Amino acid sequence: MLESAPLYHQVAEHINDLIRSGTLRSGEKVPSVRRLSDQQRCSVSTVLQAYQRLEDVGVIEARPQSGYYVRRPATPVAEPAPSRPPLRAQTVEINALADTMLAAGQDPKMISFGSACPQGELFPLERLRRALSSRARRDREALGRYGLPPGSEVLRRAIARRSLEWGCRIDYRNLITTAGCMEAINLCLRAVTQPGDTVALESPTYYGFLQILQALGLRALEIPTDPRTGISLGALQVGLDTQPVKAVLMMPNVSNPVGATLSDAAKKRLVAMLAARDIPLIEDHIYAELNYEGGAPRAAKAYDRTGNVMLCSSFSKTLAPGLKSGWIEPGRWRDRIRTLKFVASGGHTEIVELVLADLLESGGYERSLRQLRRRCAQQVDAARAVIAESFPKGTRVTRPAGGFILWVELPKGCDSIVLFGKLLDRGISIAPGPMFSASQRYRNCMRISLGQAWNERVEKALREIGRLAV
């Protein structure tokens, strides 16, 4: 162990060495907190910090009323190959299929693997209720005030401080709050494009992006994407050289639907490539905080020196879906975005933003975030194991860097739209692959969302999907 490292780092590394050497094997219990404290001649709090560190990187897991165990590796199952979409812009028409899937997700009787809306049971809702009640008592005038752009100063300051975790140095005065991340993306696209323009995206990409492009009359240029390392920068460069691209819209960290994360070197290259061509990057950061490996990775915005990156996110996946509050750091388009925001919705709900600021500034946010990451990782591992056992031979599934979404590639000949119809009759919903492509690709693929608590009923429904996927 490195003597210069903090003591809890040294204790964590000691346990990690035992696991790597095979002394402690997968599924075995690690020493209790008290026992390790005695063995290492350190405090209980030091051991708890060490075990928290090992939990955060997925080496061990806590089991209620039992202790800590070496985490079992995910069941082996092949990952999908990099995508190969056509390198030409496409008009977008996906709303009908997306509407059917979203409607199914609203049915309380439906077991929904389709809509990526995390359920309230994953969040500390009682703490949120107390925070709302406390803020309403302390600021009795908040409900009587209009909330105008750019948004609550205390929330913008809290976001700016939080951005240090992502390698960014954001001036709170440049931030503009929004009604969620979808509004943020919409405003960014309206600021930098005109109807008929071409926008480059990952492929497969989030269907909500395609819905916005369709509504704004924009064309989509799909770029090949690796399910582990993200968008192909070489293919993107070819697209920029051959197509009249006006903006790039993507998720560099924990992308939806494949869960890929670009390396820091790739993010830096991406930002430089687009800055040299004066093409804005609209960066969706919404799932980054659900990265499994030790917190949120660096944002592409961290490498922006010219204001060419527009960073967008919200708290709907990490704190409270029902509060529906997001934000933009719009770079050199700040004034344009601020005007568009006022015209689009007038402003924000001030009391909600004040509550969010309270929650971000308390230590509770970071604690709940760690718990949510662990919960997501556990549910993804459980689902991958079921898929490996129950789906047709030759099925491939992603190993996401974070979040609660899987991209499943069924054997050729399987039709996810036909499967979608069969499952609806059985009270189960998925998101068919063609929803994630302007060129209607990925007919044999689907997105599986694991935003609900994992239980026997959910597992049985997932096995039913595999049984019918023929």
Foldseek 3Di string as FASTA:
>chain_A
DDPPDPPLCVLLVVVVVCDVVPVADAFAADDALVVSCVVVVHDSVSPVVNVLQCLLQQQWDADPPPHIHGHHDFDDFFADFWDDDDQDWFAFDQVVQVVVQVVLVVDPLFAEQADQFFDPVLAPVVVLVVLLVVLCVVCVCLQVDDFFPQGDLLLLVLVQVVLVLQLARDDSVLKRKDLFQLVVVLLLCVLFDAAAAEEEEEVLADLSVSVSCNVRNYIYRYFIAGLAATGDVVRVLVSVVPGRHQAYEYEQALGPPSQYHHDPVVLLVVQVSCVVVLHAYEYEDAFQQQQRRNGGYHDSNSNDDQQRYKYKYACSQQHNVVLRMIMISRGPCRVSSSVVRCVPPNRHSRSSSVSVSVCSPDPVSVVSSSSSSSQLLVLQSVLSNLCVVQADPPKHWHDHSGANKIKIAHPPPFFVVVLQVVVVVVSYHWAANLSSDSVSPRRRMTMGGDSYHDDPVSSVSSSVSRVPRD
